[in-house]
Amino acid sequence: MQAQAAPAEISSVAASVIAGGATDAGIGGSSAAAVAARRSLTKGTTNTCIKEGYLLKEGKNVKNWKRRYWRLSPVYLSYHKNATDPNSMGCIVMMDILGLHKTVSKLNRTLCLELKTLSRTYFLQADSQVDLHSWMESIAGAVTYATMGIEYLPEQLTKFRLVFDKFDLDKNGVLDAEEMKNVLYSLDRPANAPSLARAMKAFDKTGTGSVDFLEFVGGMYSVFRRPDDLSPTMLRRNMQESQAGARQVGNKGGDKQAGKDGELSRARQRISELEAAVGDLEEENRQMRRVLDAATEENWRLRSRLSKRKSKSAKEAAGDKETGTVDNTTEFDESTDDCLSDDLP
């Protein structure tokens, strides 16, 4: 199978993410040995070792962790008892790997990755963050070539992983729909509901509702299949236009896209205005509630005074009947009651 040309960069925004301080101690994939191993993929050799080293593996039946020596080739991933053992204890075919991502589901275990295949799910633990990233990038590159025929350079896989980690806000190892919406925004793609649904369908091959690192690497190629989008000149121009807040397009299709960008900008501005108006209405509602609470308290106070005066007047009237005397205060109290009644809401 002839390898297809992989995209040179990710996007104007994604490229700026990488250029803007996205450094990593694990960027070591451009060594001569790694490049030679990657070039061997195009020759179809199966005995070439892309990467090898020790990883802890959780047992399938007995959930204990054992240290195994792993070897990655263009066709399979095998593990051995030690580095000198020629016989493998197990083998994972690249075509059978469905998912790959960091995981935090294992208690008291850090630097773990989850590898899903057709038959089972493997949990592996690296010795360091650099080693974990190197294994993820190497496995993702081998699987992408085996399943899609796309050959990525090691430095491209590192950039993909850096961008993936940038958008993985909750750091759970996968991108949900909301995080994928941010990815579409950064790639200067529409992020409305239909576009997001299409993007999730293109990336989420396993139908889990989220995108892991392996699906992200495979899906990014489908986003950048046009050579013009991949040229360094176009990328630099897009970065400059993004910083300046303007887009200059010469052809008719570009003008149409610019019109869509303007509509999207106006829609976002309208949403901001509506959010501000909602905030003002909520503040006005809170003020009206405070006024209503004060009026209710005053009403209760006046009714309490009125009740007390009526009770006092009744007692005085009863005393006058017993003594046979008439007191003019009753008339005064009734007039006072009338006044208080007028003040009640």
C-alpha atoms as a PDB file:
ATOM      1  CA  MET A   1       0.000   0.000   0.000  1.00  0.00           C
ATOM      2  CA  GLN A   2       1.457   3.333  -1.116  1.00  0.00           C
ATOM      3  CA  ALA A   3       1.770   5.849   1.710  1.00  0.00           C
ATOM      4  CA  GLN A   4      -0.100   9.132   1.270  1.00  0.00           C
ATOM      5  CA  ALA A   5       1.506  12.472   1.995  1.00  0.00           C
ATOM      6  CA  ALA A   6       0.751  13.648   5.527  1.00  0.00           C
ATOM      7  CA  PRO A   7      -0.181  17.266   6.243  1.00  0.00           C
ATOM      8  CA  ALA A   8       2.752  19.557   6.934  1.00  0.00           C
ATOM      9  CA  GLU A   9       1.035  21.495   9.719  1.00  0.00           C
ATOM     10  CA  ILE A  10      -2.255  21.525  11.570  1.00  0.00           C
ATOM     11  CA  SER A  11      -3.891  24.956  11.114  1.00  0.00           C
ATOM     12  CA  SER A  12      -3.122  28.621  11.482  1.00  0.00           C
ATOM     13  CA  VAL A  13      -4.356  28.660  15.054  1.00  0.00           C
ATOM     14  CA  ALA A  14      -3.022  25.221  15.934  1.00  0.00           C
ATOM     15  CA  ALA A  15       0.333  26.196  14.469  1.00  0.00           C
ATOM     16  CA  SER A  16       0.327  29.341  16.591  1.00  0.00           C
ATOM     17  CA  VAL A  17      -0.435  27.195  19.650  1.00  0.00           C
ATOM     18  CA  ILE A  18       2.675  25.168  18.927  1.00  0.00           C
ATOM     19  CA  ALA A  19       4.799  28.191  18.072  1.00  0.00           C
ATOM     20  CA  GLY A  20       3.561  30.145  21.083  1.00  0.00           C
ATOM     21  CA  GLY A  21       5.488  28.336  23.780  1.00  0.00           C
ATOM     22  CA  ALA A  22       4.170  24.790  23.415  1.00  0.00           C
ATOM     23  CA  THR A  23       7.491  23.190  24.292  1.00  0.00           C
ATOM     24  CA  ASP A  24       7.900  19.649  25.508  1.00  0.00           C
ATOM     25  CA  ALA A  25      10.849  17.703  26.812  1.00  0.00           C
ATOM     26  CA  GLY A  26       9.657  14.639  24.930  1.00  0.00           C
ATOM     27  CA  ILE A  27      10.198  16.027  21.434  1.00  0.00           C
ATOM     28  CA  GLY A  28      12.823  13.542  20.408  1.00  0.00           C
ATOM     29  CA  GLY A  29      11.060  11.857  17.503  1.00  0.00           C
ATOM     30  CA  SER A  30      13.218  13.445  14.799  1.00  0.00           C
ATOM     31  CA  SER A  31      16.311  11.387  15.622  1.00  0.00           C
ATOM     32  CA  ALA A  32      18.061   9.523  12.822  1.00  0.00           C
ATOM     33  CA  ALA A  33      16.943   6.127  14.149  1.00  0.00           C
ATOM     34  CA  ALA A  34      13.303   7.218  14.368  1.00  0.00           C
ATOM     35  CA  VAL A  35      13.339   8.668  10.849  1.00  0.00           C
ATOM     36  CA  ALA A  36      14.982   5.511   9.486  1.00  0.00           C
ATOM     37  CA  ALA A  37      12.393   3.348  11.198  1.00  0.00           C
ATOM     38  CA  ARG A  38       9.587   5.517   9.853  1.00  0.00           C
ATOM     39  CA  ARG A  39      10.960   5.358   6.323  1.00  0.00           C
ATOM     40  CA  SER A  40      11.044   1.589   6.570  1.00  0.00           C
ATOM     41  CA  LEU A  41       7.234   1.645   6.704  1.00  0.00           C
ATOM     42  CA  THR A  42       7.074   2.496   3.022  1.00  0.00           C
ATOM     43  CA  LYS A  43       9.110  -0.621   2.227  1.00  0.00           C
ATOM     44  CA  GLY A  44       6.582  -2.873   3.936  1.00  0.00           C
ATOM     45  CA  THR A  45       9.126  -4.519   6.258  1.00  0.00           C
ATOM     46  CA  THR A  46       7.693  -6.220   9.330  1.00  0.00           C
ATOM     47  CA  ASN A  47      10.905  -6.908  11.243  1.00  0.00           C
ATOM     48  CA  THR A  48      11.896  -3.272  11.735  1.00  0.00           C
ATOM     49  CA  CYS A  49      11.598  -2.078  15.321  1.00  0.00           C
ATOM     50  CA  ILE A  50      10.171   1.463  15.491  1.00  0.00           C
ATOM     51  CA  LYS A  51      10.372   1.693  19.281  1.00  0.00           C
ATOM     52  CA  GLU A  52      11.162  -0.620  22.181  1.00  0.00           C
ATOM     53  CA  GLY A  53      11.381  -0.365  25.948  1.00  0.00           C
ATOM     54  CA  TYR A  54       9.892  -1.387  29.278  1.00  0.00           C
ATOM     55  CA  LEU A  55       6.286  -0.728  30.281  1.00  0.00           C
ATOM     56  CA  LEU A  56       4.181  -1.986  33.168  1.00  0.00           C
ATOM     57  CA  LYS A  57       1.145  -4.009  32.031  1.00  0.00           C
ATOM     58  CA  GLU A  58      -1.965  -4.907  33.982  1.00  0.00           C
ATOM     59  CA  GLY A  59      -2.869  -8.592  33.843  1.00  0.00           C
ATOM     60  CA  LYS A  60      -5.966  -9.731  31.995  1.00  0.00           C
ATOM     61  CA  ASN A  61      -7.392 -12.045  34.660  1.00  0.00           C
ATOM     62  CA  VAL A  62      -5.294 -11.343  37.755  1.00  0.00           C
ATOM     63  CA  LYS A  63      -5.215  -7.542  38.018  1.00  0.00           C
ATOM     64  CA  ASN A  64      -1.586  -7.223  39.017  1.00  0.00           C
ATOM     65  CA  TRP A  65       1.059  -5.189  37.233  1.00  0.00           C
ATOM     66  CA  LYS A  66       4.160  -6.736  35.687  1.00  0.00           C
ATOM     67  CA  ARG A  67       7.079  -5.138  33.910  1.00  0.00           C
ATOM     68  CA  ARG A  68       7.354  -6.270  30.292  1.00  0.00           C
ATOM     69  CA  TYR A  69       9.636  -5.382  27.402  1.00  0.00           C
ATOM     70  CA  TRP A  70       7.655  -4.021  24.446  1.00  0.00           C
ATOM     71  CA  ARG A  71       8.626  -3.876  20.771  1.00  0.00           C
ATOM     72  CA  LEU A  72       6.712  -1.838  18.191  1.00  0.00           C
ATOM     73  CA  SER A  73       6.961  -2.722  14.497  1.00  0.00           C
ATOM     74  CA  PRO A  74       4.960  -1.414  11.506  1.00  0.00           C
ATOM     75  CA  VAL A  75       2.636  -4.428  11.747  1.00  0.00           C
ATOM     76  CA  TYR A  76       2.336  -5.441  15.407  1.00  0.00           C
ATOM     77  CA  LEU A  77       3.119  -4.524  19.007  1.00  0.00           C
ATOM     78  CA  SER A  78       4.588  -7.379  21.061  1.00  0.00           C
ATOM     79  CA  TYR A  79       5.670  -7.748  24.675  1.00  0.00           C
ATOM     80  CA  HIS A  80       8.377  -9.993  26.114  1.00  0.00           C
ATOM     81  CA  LYS A  81       9.560 -11.111  29.521  1.00  0.00           C
ATOM     82  CA  ASN A  82      12.779  -9.077  29.169  1.00  0.00           C
ATOM     83  CA  ALA A  83      14.915  -7.357  26.551  1.00  0.00           C
ATOM     84  CA  THR A  84      16.830 -10.538  25.664  1.00  0.00           C
ATOM     85  CA  ASP A  85      13.800 -12.801  25.320  1.00  0.00           C
ATOM     86  CA  PRO A  86      13.278 -13.594  21.598  1.00  0.00           C
ATOM     87  CA  ASN A  87       9.852 -15.153  22.157  1.00  0.00           C
ATOM     88  CA  SER A  88       6.914 -12.829  22.669  1.00  0.00           C
ATOM     89  CA  MET A  89       4.388 -13.390  25.456  1.00  0.00           C
ATOM     90  CA  GLY A  90       1.687 -11.595  23.494  1.00  0.00           C
ATOM     91  CA  CYS A  91       1.139  -9.698  20.277  1.00  0.00           C
ATOM     92  CA  ILE A  92      -1.223  -6.893  19.232  1.00  0.00           C
ATOM     93  CA  VAL A  93      -1.842  -6.416  15.521  1.00  0.00           C
ATOM     94  CA  MET A  94      -1.900  -2.775  14.421  1.00  0.00           C
ATOM     95  CA  MET A  95      -5.082  -3.299  12.403  1.00  0.00           C
ATOM     96  CA  ASP A  96      -6.893  -4.478  15.561  1.00  0.00           C
ATOM     97  CA  ILE A  97      -6.182  -1.337  17.626  1.00  0.00           C
ATOM     98  CA  LEU A  98      -9.312   0.803  17.963  1.00  0.00           C
ATOM     99  CA  GLY A  99      -8.381   3.441  20.549  1.00  0.00           C
ATOM    100  CA  LEU A 100      -5.433   4.982  22.368  1.00  0.00           C
ATOM    101  CA  HIS A 101      -5.438   7.663  25.040  1.00  0.00           C
ATOM    102  CA  LYS A 102      -4.116   8.648  28.448  1.00  0.00           C
ATOM    103  CA  THR A 103      -6.187   7.402  31.328  1.00  0.00           C
ATOM    104  CA  VAL A 104      -6.698   8.443  34.940  1.00  0.00           C
ATOM    105  CA  SER A 105      -9.123   5.636  35.782  1.00  0.00           C
ATOM    106  CA  LYS A 106      -6.526   3.530  37.562  1.00  0.00           C
ATOM    107  CA  LEU A 107      -6.291   4.466  41.238  1.00  0.00           C
ATOM    108  CA  ASN A 108      -2.812   5.344  42.513  1.00  0.00           C
ATOM    109  CA  ARG A 109      -1.474   4.968  38.979  1.00  0.00           C
ATOM    110  CA  THR A 110      -0.106   7.827  36.918  1.00  0.00           C
ATOM    111  CA  LEU A 111       1.464   7.937  33.447  1.00  0.00           C
ATOM    112  CA  CYS A 112      -0.996   5.296  32.201  1.00  0.00           C
ATOM    113  CA  LEU A 113      -2.372   4.805  28.710  1.00  0.00           C
ATOM    114  CA  GLU A 114      -5.372   2.778  27.612  1.00  0.00           C
ATOM    115  CA  LEU A 115      -5.044   0.693  24.460  1.00  0.00           C
ATOM    116  CA  LYS A 116      -8.318  -0.706  23.072  1.00  0.00           C
ATOM    117  CA  THR A 117      -8.334  -3.611  20.631  1.00  0.00           C
ATOM    118  CA  LEU A 118     -11.001  -5.861  19.132  1.00  0.00           C
ATOM    119  CA  SER A 119     -10.500  -8.503  21.828  1.00  0.00           C
ATOM    120  CA  ARG A 120      -9.539  -6.614  25.014  1.00  0.00           C
ATOM    121  CA  THR A 121      -8.370  -3.379  26.600  1.00  0.00           C
ATOM    122  CA  TYR A 122      -4.756  -3.021  27.738  1.00  0.00           C
ATOM    123  CA  PHE A 123      -3.614  -0.698  30.514  1.00  0.00           C
ATOM    124  CA  LEU A 124       0.075   0.259  30.316  1.00  0.00           C
ATOM    125  CA  GLN A 125       2.211   2.470  32.545  1.00  0.00           C
ATOM    126  CA  ALA A 126       5.363   4.302  31.459  1.00  0.00           C
ATOM    127  CA  ASP A 127       8.331   5.286  33.584  1.00  0.00           C
ATOM    128  CA  SER A 128       8.132   8.998  32.744  1.00  0.00           C
ATOM    129  CA  GLN A 129       5.983  11.588  31.013  1.00  0.00           C
ATOM    130  CA  VAL A 130       8.429  11.748  28.115  1.00  0.00           C
ATOM    131  CA  ASP A 131       8.306   7.984  27.665  1.00  0.00           C
ATOM    132  CA  LEU A 132       4.491   8.000  27.827  1.00  0.00           C
ATOM    133  CA  HIS A 133       4.233  10.646  25.103  1.00  0.00           C
ATOM    134  CA  SER A 134       6.806   8.879  22.937  1.00  0.00           C
ATOM    135  CA  TRP A 135       4.893   5.588  23.086  1.00  0.00           C
ATOM    136  CA  MET A 136       1.575   7.288  22.319  1.00  0.00           C
ATOM    137  CA  GLU A 137       2.970   9.099  19.301  1.00  0.00           C
ATOM    138  CA  SER A 138       4.775   6.037  17.945  1.00  0.00           C
ATOM    139  CA  ILE A 139       1.773   3.722  18.327  1.00  0.00           C
ATOM    140  CA  ALA A 140      -0.594   6.293  16.793  1.00  0.00           C
ATOM    141  CA  GLY A 141       1.739   6.748  13.821  1.00  0.00           C
ATOM    142  CA  ALA A 142       2.047   3.010  13.221  1.00  0.00           C
ATOM    143  CA  VAL A 143      -1.716   2.421  13.490  1.00  0.00           C
ATOM    144  CA  THR A 144      -2.521   5.359  11.193  1.00  0.00           C
ATOM    145  CA  TYR A 145      -0.180   3.997   8.549  1.00  0.00           C
ATOM    146  CA  ALA A 146      -1.456   0.423   8.909  1.00  0.00           C
ATOM    147  CA  THR A 147      -5.142   1.371   8.723  1.00  0.00           C
ATOM    148  CA  MET A 148      -5.159   4.482   6.509  1.00  0.00           C
ATOM    149  CA  GLY A 149      -1.867   4.406   4.626  1.00  0.00           C
ATOM    150  CA  ILE A 150      -0.906   7.832   6.001  1.00  0.00           C
ATOM    151  CA  GLU A 151       2.743   8.254   6.947  1.00  0.00           C
ATOM    152  CA  TYR A 152       3.368  10.964   9.546  1.00  0.00           C
ATOM    153  CA  LEU A 153       6.792  12.178  10.543  1.00  0.00           C
ATOM    154  CA  PRO A 154       7.620  11.910  14.275  1.00  0.00           C
ATOM    155  CA  GLU A 155       7.679  15.687  14.718  1.00  0.00           C
ATOM    156  CA  GLN A 156       4.209  15.934  13.168  1.00  0.00           C
ATOM    157  CA  LEU A 157       2.854  13.379  15.647  1.00  0.00           C
ATOM    158  CA  THR A 158       4.399  15.385  18.482  1.00  0.00           C
ATOM    159  CA  LYS A 159       2.624  18.517  17.272  1.00  0.00           C
ATOM    160  CA  PHE A 160      -0.663  16.648  17.060  1.00  0.00           C
ATOM    161  CA  ARG A 161      -0.236  15.447  20.636  1.00  0.00           C
ATOM    162  CA  LEU A 162       0.578  18.963  21.881  1.00  0.00           C
ATOM    163  CA  VAL A 163      -2.528  20.386  20.215  1.00  0.00           C
ATOM    164  CA  PHE A 164      -4.652  17.512  21.538  1.00  0.00           C
ATOM    165  CA  ASP A 165      -3.435  18.155  25.093  1.00  0.00           C
ATOM    166  CA  LYS A 166      -4.105  21.877  24.635  1.00  0.00           C
ATOM    167  CA  PHE A 167      -7.794  21.297  23.914  1.00  0.00           C
ATOM    168  CA  ASP A 168      -8.253  18.493  26.456  1.00  0.00           C
ATOM    169  CA  LEU A 169      -9.389  20.926  29.134  1.00  0.00           C
ATOM    170  CA  ASP A 170     -10.534  18.364  31.710  1.00  0.00           C
ATOM    171  CA  LYS A 171      -7.390  16.246  31.121  1.00  0.00           C
ATOM    172  CA  ASN A 172      -9.305  12.963  30.877  1.00  0.00           C
ATOM    173  CA  GLY A 173      -7.463  11.850  27.736  1.00  0.00           C
ATOM    174  CA  VAL A 174     -10.369  12.347  25.290  1.00  0.00           C
ATOM    175  CA  LEU A 175     -12.126  15.284  23.629  1.00  0.00           C
ATOM    176  CA  ASP A 176     -15.880  15.584  24.156  1.00  0.00           C
ATOM    177  CA  ALA A 177     -18.273  17.486  21.892  1.00  0.00           C
ATOM    178  CA  GLU A 178     -17.717  20.826  23.652  1.00  0.00           C
ATOM    179  CA  GLU A 179     -13.936  20.488  23.388  1.00  0.00           C
ATOM    180  CA  MET A 180     -14.242  19.477  19.737  1.00  0.00           C
ATOM    181  CA  LYS A 181     -16.231  22.665  19.156  1.00  0.00           C
ATOM    182  CA  ASN A 182     -13.186  24.629  20.376  1.00  0.00           C
ATOM    183  CA  VAL A 183     -11.030  22.614  17.976  1.00  0.00           C
ATOM    184  CA  LEU A 184     -13.285  23.595  15.058  1.00  0.00           C
ATOM    185  CA  TYR A 185     -13.135  27.254  16.101  1.00  0.00           C
ATOM    186  CA  SER A 186      -9.337  27.132  16.176  1.00  0.00           C
ATOM    187  CA  LEU A 187      -9.240  25.454  12.756  1.00  0.00           C
ATOM    188  CA  ASP A 188     -11.393  28.289  11.352  1.00  0.00           C
ATOM    189  CA  ARG A 189     -14.196  25.802  10.609  1.00  0.00           C
ATOM    190  CA  PRO A 190     -17.924  26.314  11.283  1.00  0.00           C
ATOM    191  CA  ALA A 191     -18.861  25.108  14.771  1.00  0.00           C
ATOM    192  CA  ASN A 192     -22.656  25.099  14.577  1.00  0.00           C
ATOM    193  CA  ALA A 193     -24.652  21.990  15.471  1.00  0.00           C
ATOM    194  CA  PRO A 194     -24.640  20.363  11.985  1.00  0.00           C
ATOM    195  CA  SER A 195     -20.914  21.038  11.473  1.00  0.00           C
ATOM    196  CA  LEU A 196     -20.105  19.699  14.940  1.00  0.00           C
ATOM    197  CA  ALA A 197     -22.154  16.564  14.250  1.00  0.00           C
ATOM    198  CA  ARG A 198     -20.276  15.979  10.983  1.00  0.00           C
ATOM    199  CA  ALA A 199     -16.925  16.520  12.680  1.00  0.00           C
ATOM    200  CA  MET A 200     -17.772  14.112  15.502  1.00  0.00           C
ATOM    201  CA  LYS A 201     -18.839  11.522  12.936  1.00  0.00           C
ATOM    202  CA  ALA A 202     -15.589  11.981  11.003  1.00  0.00           C
ATOM    203  CA  PHE A 203     -13.357  11.769  14.087  1.00  0.00           C
ATOM    204  CA  ASP A 204     -15.269   9.420  16.407  1.00  0.00           C
ATOM    205  CA  LYS A 205     -14.853   6.152  14.501  1.00  0.00           C
ATOM    206  CA  THR A 206     -15.756   3.966  17.499  1.00  0.00           C
ATOM    207  CA  GLY A 207     -19.020   5.798  18.263  1.00  0.00           C
ATOM    208  CA  THR A 208     -18.199   6.483  21.919  1.00  0.00           C
ATOM    209  CA  GLY A 209     -19.261  10.128  21.765  1.00  0.00           C
ATOM    210  CA  SER A 210     -15.696  11.347  22.353  1.00  0.00           C
ATOM    211  CA  VAL A 211     -12.435  11.513  20.379  1.00  0.00           C
ATOM    212  CA  ASP A 212      -9.268   9.873  21.688  1.00  0.00           C
ATOM    213  CA  PHE A 213      -5.718  10.616  20.519  1.00  0.00           C
ATOM    214  CA  LEU A 214      -5.672   7.880  17.869  1.00  0.00           C
ATOM    215  CA  GLU A 215      -8.960   9.091  16.356  1.00  0.00           C
ATOM    216  CA  PHE A 216      -7.693  12.685  16.510  1.00  0.00           C
ATOM    217  CA  VAL A 217      -4.546  11.827  14.542  1.00  0.00           C
ATOM    218  CA  GLY A 218      -6.502   9.923  11.904  1.00  0.00           C
ATOM    219  CA  GLY A 219      -9.241  12.532  11.629  1.00  0.00           C
ATOM    220  CA  MET A 220      -6.909  15.499  11.198  1.00  0.00           C
ATOM    221  CA  TYR A 221      -5.850  14.266   7.762  1.00  0.00           C
ATOM    222  CA  SER A 222      -9.436  14.365   6.512  1.00  0.00           C
ATOM    223  CA  VAL A 223      -9.622  18.019   7.607  1.00  0.00           C
ATOM    224  CA  PHE A 224      -6.554  18.995   5.552  1.00  0.00           C
ATOM    225  CA  ARG A 225      -6.737  17.257   2.201  1.00  0.00           C
ATOM    226  CA  ARG A 226      -6.317  20.389   0.053  1.00  0.00           C
ATOM    227  CA  PRO A 227      -2.677  21.284  -0.705  1.00  0.00           C
ATOM    228  CA  ASP A 228      -3.346  25.020  -0.418  1.00  0.00           C
ATOM    229  CA  ASP A 229      -4.387  24.583   3.210  1.00  0.00           C
ATOM    230  CA  LEU A 230      -1.144  22.789   3.995  1.00  0.00           C
ATOM    231  CA  SER A 231       1.442  25.090   2.460  1.00  0.00           C
ATOM    232  CA  PRO A 232       3.635  27.078   4.904  1.00  0.00           C
ATOM    233  CA  THR A 233       2.904  30.271   2.952  1.00  0.00           C
ATOM    234  CA  MET A 234      -0.850  29.878   3.443  1.00  0.00           C
ATOM    235  CA  LEU A 235      -0.363  29.074   7.106  1.00  0.00           C
ATOM    236  CA  ARG A 236       1.795  32.149   7.722  1.00  0.00           C
ATOM    237  CA  ARG A 237      -0.688  34.377   5.885  1.00  0.00           C
ATOM    238  CA  ASN A 238      -3.591  32.978   7.891  1.00  0.00           C
ATOM    239  CA  MET A 239      -1.721  33.639  11.120  1.00  0.00           C
ATOM    240  CA  GLN A 240      -1.026  37.252  10.141  1.00  0.00           C
ATOM    241  CA  GLU A 241      -4.624  37.838   9.080  1.00  0.00           C
ATOM    242  CA  SER A 242      -5.904  36.284  12.281  1.00  0.00           C
ATOM    243  CA  GLN A 243      -3.712  38.576  14.371  1.00  0.00           C
ATOM    244  CA  ALA A 244      -4.765  41.645  12.372  1.00  0.00           C
ATOM    245  CA  GLY A 245      -8.440  40.698  12.625  1.00  0.00           C
ATOM    246  CA  ALA A 246      -9.009  40.760   8.856  1.00  0.00           C
ATOM    247  CA  ARG A 247      -9.165  38.273   6.007  1.00  0.00           C
ATOM    248  CA  GLN A 248      -8.274  39.092   2.395  1.00  0.00           C
ATOM    249  CA  VAL A 249      -9.595  36.617  -0.139  1.00  0.00           C
ATOM    250  CA  GLY A 250      -9.275  37.067  -3.882  1.00  0.00           C
ATOM    251  CA  ASN A 251     -11.503  34.445  -5.456  1.00  0.00           C
ATOM    252  CA  LYS A 252     -15.254  34.087  -5.380  1.00  0.00           C
ATOM    253  CA  GLY A 253     -15.220  31.128  -3.016  1.00  0.00           C
ATOM    254  CA  GLY A 254     -13.021  33.128  -0.657  1.00  0.00           C
ATOM    255  CA  ASP A 255     -15.435  36.069  -0.749  1.00  0.00           C
ATOM    256  CA  LYS A 256     -18.274  33.713   0.117  1.00  0.00           C
ATOM    257  CA  GLN A 257     -16.271  32.332   3.020  1.00  0.00           C
ATOM    258  CA  ALA A 258     -15.440  35.865   4.151  1.00  0.00           C
ATOM    259  CA  GLY A 259     -19.171  36.670   4.096  1.00  0.00           C
ATOM    260  CA  LYS A 260     -19.840  33.619   6.258  1.00  0.00           C
ATOM    261  CA  ASP A 261     -17.103  34.737   8.642  1.00  0.00           C
ATOM    262  CA  GLY A 262     -18.731  38.186   8.842  1.00  0.00           C
ATOM    263  CA  GLU A 263     -22.124  36.644   9.573  1.00  0.00           C
ATOM    264  CA  LEU A 264     -20.581  34.454  12.242  1.00  0.00           C
ATOM    265  CA  SER A 265     -18.870  37.482  13.788  1.00  0.00           C
ATOM    266  CA  ARG A 266     -22.132  39.430  13.832  1.00  0.00           C
ATOM    267  CA  ALA A 267     -23.972  36.456  15.304  1.00  0.00           C
ATOM    268  CA  ARG A 268     -21.397  36.189  18.082  1.00  0.00           C
ATOM    269  CA  GLN A 269     -21.682  39.932  18.738  1.00  0.00           C
ATOM    270  CA  ARG A 270     -25.470  39.601  18.884  1.00  0.00           C
ATOM    271  CA  ILE A 271     -25.159  36.733  21.349  1.00  0.00           C
ATOM    272  CA  SER A 272     -22.877  38.892  23.522  1.00  0.00           C
ATOM    273  CA  GLU A 273     -25.426  41.724  23.427  1.00  0.00           C
ATOM    274  CA  LEU A 274     -28.249  39.358  24.378  1.00  0.00           C
ATOM    275  CA  GLU A 275     -26.191  37.946  27.225  1.00  0.00           C
ATOM    276  CA  ALA A 276     -25.565  41.494  28.481  1.00  0.00           C
ATOM    277  CA  ALA A 277     -29.293  42.298  28.215  1.00  0.00           C
ATOM    278  CA  VAL A 278     -30.152  39.149  30.148  1.00  0.00           C
ATOM    279  CA  GLY A 279     -27.687  40.201  32.824  1.00  0.00           C
ATOM    280  CA  ASP A 280     -29.332  43.635  33.080  1.00  0.00           C
ATOM    281  CA  LEU A 281     -32.788  42.046  33.367  1.00  0.00           C
ATOM    282  CA  GLU A 282     -31.588  39.716  36.091  1.00  0.00           C
ATOM    283  CA  GLU A 283     -30.140  42.657  38.039  1.00  0.00           C
ATOM    284  CA  GLU A 284     -33.405  44.587  37.625  1.00  0.00           C
ATOM    285  CA  ASN A 285     -35.316  41.526  38.798  1.00  0.00           C
ATOM    286  CA  ARG A 286     -33.144  41.310  41.902  1.00  0.00           C
ATOM    287  CA  GLN A 287     -33.787  44.997  42.673  1.00  0.00           C
ATOM    288  CA  MET A 288     -37.549  44.544  42.270  1.00  0.00           C
ATOM    289  CA  ARG A 289     -37.427  41.574  44.614  1.00  0.00           C
ATOM    290  CA  ARG A 290     -35.632  43.668  47.220  1.00  0.00           C
ATOM    291  CA  VAL A 291     -38.311  46.387  46.907  1.00  0.00           C
ATOM    292  CA  LEU A 292     -41.069  43.760  47.178  1.00  0.00           C
ATOM    293  CA  ASP A 293     -39.457  42.261  50.270  1.00  0.00           C
ATOM    294  CA  ALA A 294     -39.267  45.728  51.896  1.00  0.00           C
ATOM    295  CA  ALA A 295     -42.935  46.447  51.049  1.00  0.00           C
ATOM    296  CA  THR A 296     -43.998  43.076  52.434  1.00  0.00           C
ATOM    297  CA  GLU A 297     -42.125  43.753  55.672  1.00  0.00           C
ATOM    298  CA  GLU A 298     -43.736  47.201  56.020  1.00  0.00           C
ATOM    299  CA  ASN A 299     -47.167  45.720  55.324  1.00  0.00           C
ATOM    300  CA  TRP A 300     -46.652  43.137  58.051  1.00  0.00           C
ATOM    301  CA  ARG A 301     -45.545  45.849  60.509  1.00  0.00           C
ATOM    302  CA  LEU A 302     -48.612  48.040  59.834  1.00  0.00           C
ATOM    303  CA  ARG A 303     -50.985  45.098  60.134  1.00  0.00           C
ATOM    304  CA  SER A 304     -49.399  44.195  63.441  1.00  0.00           C
ATOM    305  CA  ARG A 305     -49.937  47.740  64.752  1.00  0.00           C
ATOM    306  CA  LEU A 306     -53.541  47.685  63.547  1.00  0.00           C
ATOM    307  CA  SER A 307     -54.202  44.372  65.278  1.00  0.00           C
ATOM    308  CA  LYS A 308     -52.778  45.659  68.533  1.00  0.00           C
ATOM    309  CA  ARG A 309     -54.883  48.843  68.437  1.00  0.00           C
ATOM    310  CA  LYS A 310     -58.065  46.891  67.688  1.00  0.00           C
ATOM    311  CA  SER A 311     -57.373  44.574  70.609  1.00  0.00           C
ATOM    312  CA  LYS A 312     -56.787  47.538  72.921  1.00  0.00           C
ATOM    313  CA  SER A 313     -59.974  49.247  71.751  1.00  0.00           C
ATOM    314  CA  ALA A 314     -62.007  46.086  72.358  1.00  0.00           C
ATOM    315  CA  LYS A 315     -60.675  45.772  75.885  1.00  0.00           C
ATOM    316  CA  GLU A 316     -61.459  49.423  76.689  1.00  0.00           C
ATOM    317  CA  ALA A 317     -64.984  49.106  75.245  1.00  0.00           C
ATOM    318  CA  ALA A 318     -65.643  46.066  77.421  1.00  0.00           C
ATOM    319  CA  GLY A 319     -64.473  47.965  80.519  1.00  0.00           C
ATOM    320  CA  ASP A 320     -66.755  50.933  79.712  1.00  0.00           C
ATOM    321  CA  LYS A 321     -69.804  48.685  79.469  1.00  0.00           C
ATOM    322  CA  GLU A 322     -69.128  47.271  82.914  1.00  0.00           C
ATOM    323  CA  THR A 323     -68.725  50.714  84.552  1.00  0.00           C
ATOM    324  CA  GLY A 324     -71.453  52.345  82.487  1.00  0.00           C
ATOM    325  CA  THR A 325     -69.170  55.129  81.315  1.00  0.00           C
ATOM    326  CA  VAL A 326     -68.429  56.250  77.801  1.00  0.00           C
ATOM    327  CA  ASP A 327     -64.947  57.186  76.683  1.00  0.00           C
ATOM    328  CA  ASN A 328     -64.284  59.348  73.652  1.00  0.00           C
ATOM    329  CA  THR A 329     -61.016  57.518  72.957  1.00  0.00           C
ATOM    330  CA  THR A 330     -62.979  54.840  71.126  1.00  0.00           C
ATOM    331  CA  GLU A 331     -63.919  57.338  68.457  1.00  0.00           C
ATOM    332  CA  PHE A 332     -60.319  58.497  68.273  1.00  0.00           C
ATOM    333  CA  ASP A 333     -59.073  54.934  67.958  1.00  0.00           C
ATOM    334  CA  GLU A 334     -61.506  54.139  65.183  1.00  0.00           C
ATOM    335  CA  SER A 335     -60.389  57.188  63.255  1.00  0.00           C
ATOM    336  CA  THR A 336     -56.794  56.123  63.820  1.00  0.00           C
ATOM    337  CA  ASP A 337     -57.669  52.656  62.558  1.00  0.00           C
ATOM    338  CA  ASP A 338     -59.149  54.202  59.449  1.00  0.00           C
ATOM    339  CA  CYS A 339     -55.917  56.105  58.885  1.00  0.00           C
ATOM    340  CA  LEU A 340     -53.848  52.957  59.338  1.00  0.00           C
ATOM    341  CA  SER A 341     -56.146  51.062  57.021  1.00  0.00           C
ATOM    342  CA  ASP A 342     -55.599  53.696  54.338  1.00  0.00           C
ATOM    343  CA  ASP A 343     -51.813  53.184  54.647  1.00  0.00           C
ATOM    344  CA  LEU A 344     -52.067  49.458  54.061  1.00  0.00           C
ATOM    345  CA  PRO A 345     -51.268  48.244  50.527  1.00  0.00           C
END
